[in-house]
Amino acid sequence: MDDLEQRFQEAAANSKKLSERPDDDTLLKIYALYKQGSEGDVTGERPGFFDFVGAAKYDAWDAMRGKDKAAAMQEYIDLIERLRT
């Protein structure tokens, strides 16, 4: 595991230890950056109209389409660090 991946995994663990719950928009950004950094571009079909949370998550991840995995990892790490301070 390279240094970036290790820091990404540490940030993922730290995201569960935040002192305050982030607002919904920030939570969606955290989710989208994590998914883009760990899996790459979104796959599968968008959840249906009545699955509001699933659709919001899908849309947030889809907005990251084309972003390099390493760049998404670094943005995720930076965001979690800002939220911890």
Protein backbone atom coordinates (compact mmCIF):
# COMPACT_ATOMS: atom_id res chain seq x y z
CA MET A 1 0.00 0.00 0.00
CA ASP A 2 1.47 3.34 -0.98
CA ASP A 3 1.51 6.43 1.24
CA LEU A 4 -1.56 8.03 -0.36
CA GLU A 5 -3.66 4.88 0.05
CA GLN A 6 -2.54 4.54 3.67
CA ARG A 7 -3.46 8.16 4.43
CA PHE A 8 -6.78 7.63 2.63
CA GLN A 9 -7.58 4.64 4.85
CA GLU A 10 -6.58 6.60 7.96
CA ALA A 11 -8.85 9.47 6.88
CA ALA A 12 -11.70 6.98 6.39
CA ALA A 13 -11.20 5.74 9.95
CA ASN A 14 -10.99 9.32 11.22
CA SER A 15 -14.22 10.25 9.43
CA LYS A 16 -16.07 8.06 11.92
CA LYS A 17 -14.55 9.98 14.85
CA LEU A 18 -15.54 13.55 13.95
CA SER A 19 -16.57 15.61 16.98
CA GLU A 20 -19.60 17.05 15.15
CA ARG A 21 -21.84 15.58 12.48
CA PRO A 22 -21.26 17.48 9.21
CA ASP A 23 -24.19 19.01 7.34
CA ASP A 24 -25.89 16.95 4.63
CA ASP A 25 -24.03 18.60 1.73
CA THR A 26 -20.68 17.89 3.38
CA LEU A 27 -21.71 14.30 4.11
CA LEU A 28 -22.56 13.83 0.42
CA LYS A 29 -19.18 15.26 -0.57
CA ILE A 30 -17.43 12.93 1.88
CA TYR A 31 -19.35 9.98 0.43
CA ALA A 32 -18.69 10.95 -3.19
CA LEU A 33 -14.96 11.56 -2.68
CA TYR A 34 -14.60 8.28 -0.81
CA LYS A 35 -16.39 6.31 -3.53
CA GLN A 36 -14.47 8.04 -6.33
CA GLY A 37 -11.18 7.49 -4.54
CA SER A 38 -11.85 3.86 -3.74
CA GLU A 39 -13.86 2.67 -6.77
CA GLY A 40 -13.55 5.27 -9.53
CA ASP A 41 -16.47 6.47 -11.63
CA VAL A 42 -20.02 5.65 -10.54
CA THR A 43 -21.51 2.41 -11.83
CA GLY A 44 -24.98 0.94 -11.94
CA GLU A 45 -28.30 2.64 -12.34
CA ARG A 46 -29.51 5.67 -10.44
CA PRO A 47 -31.91 4.71 -7.63
CA GLY A 48 -35.58 5.41 -8.19
CA PHE A 49 -37.45 8.60 -7.39
CA PHE A 50 -38.62 7.47 -3.95
CA ASP A 51 -35.13 6.52 -2.76
CA PHE A 52 -34.16 10.10 -1.96
CA VAL A 53 -31.00 9.26 -0.03
CA GLY A 54 -29.79 6.73 -2.59
CA ALA A 55 -30.46 9.14 -5.45
CA ALA A 56 -28.63 11.97 -3.67
CA LYS A 57 -25.63 9.73 -3.04
CA TYR A 58 -25.62 8.55 -6.65
CA ASP A 59 -25.84 12.12 -7.96
CA ALA A 60 -23.02 13.31 -5.68
CA TRP A 61 -20.78 10.45 -6.79
CA ASP A 62 -21.76 10.96 -10.45
CA ALA A 63 -20.68 14.60 -10.16
CA MET A 64 -17.14 13.28 -9.54
CA ARG A 65 -17.14 11.35 -12.85
CA GLY A 66 -13.75 11.61 -14.55
CA LYS A 67 -11.89 12.79 -11.44
CA ASP A 68 -8.65 10.88 -11.02
CA LYS A 69 -8.75 8.40 -8.11
CA ALA A 70 -5.57 9.83 -6.59
CA ALA A 71 -6.97 13.38 -6.76
CA ALA A 72 -10.22 12.21 -5.12
CA MET A 73 -8.24 10.46 -2.38
CA GLN A 74 -6.24 13.62 -1.66
CA GLU A 75 -9.37 15.80 -1.60
CA TYR A 76 -11.01 13.32 0.77
CA ILE A 77 -7.97 13.36 3.08
CA ASP A 78 -7.89 17.17 3.05
CA LEU A 79 -11.63 17.45 3.76
CA ILE A 80 -11.53 15.04 6.71
CA GLU A 81 -8.52 16.87 8.15
CA ARG A 82 -10.34 20.23 7.89
CA LEU A 83 -13.39 18.73 9.63
CA ARG A 84 -11.25 17.35 12.46
CA THR A 85 -9.86 20.76 13.40
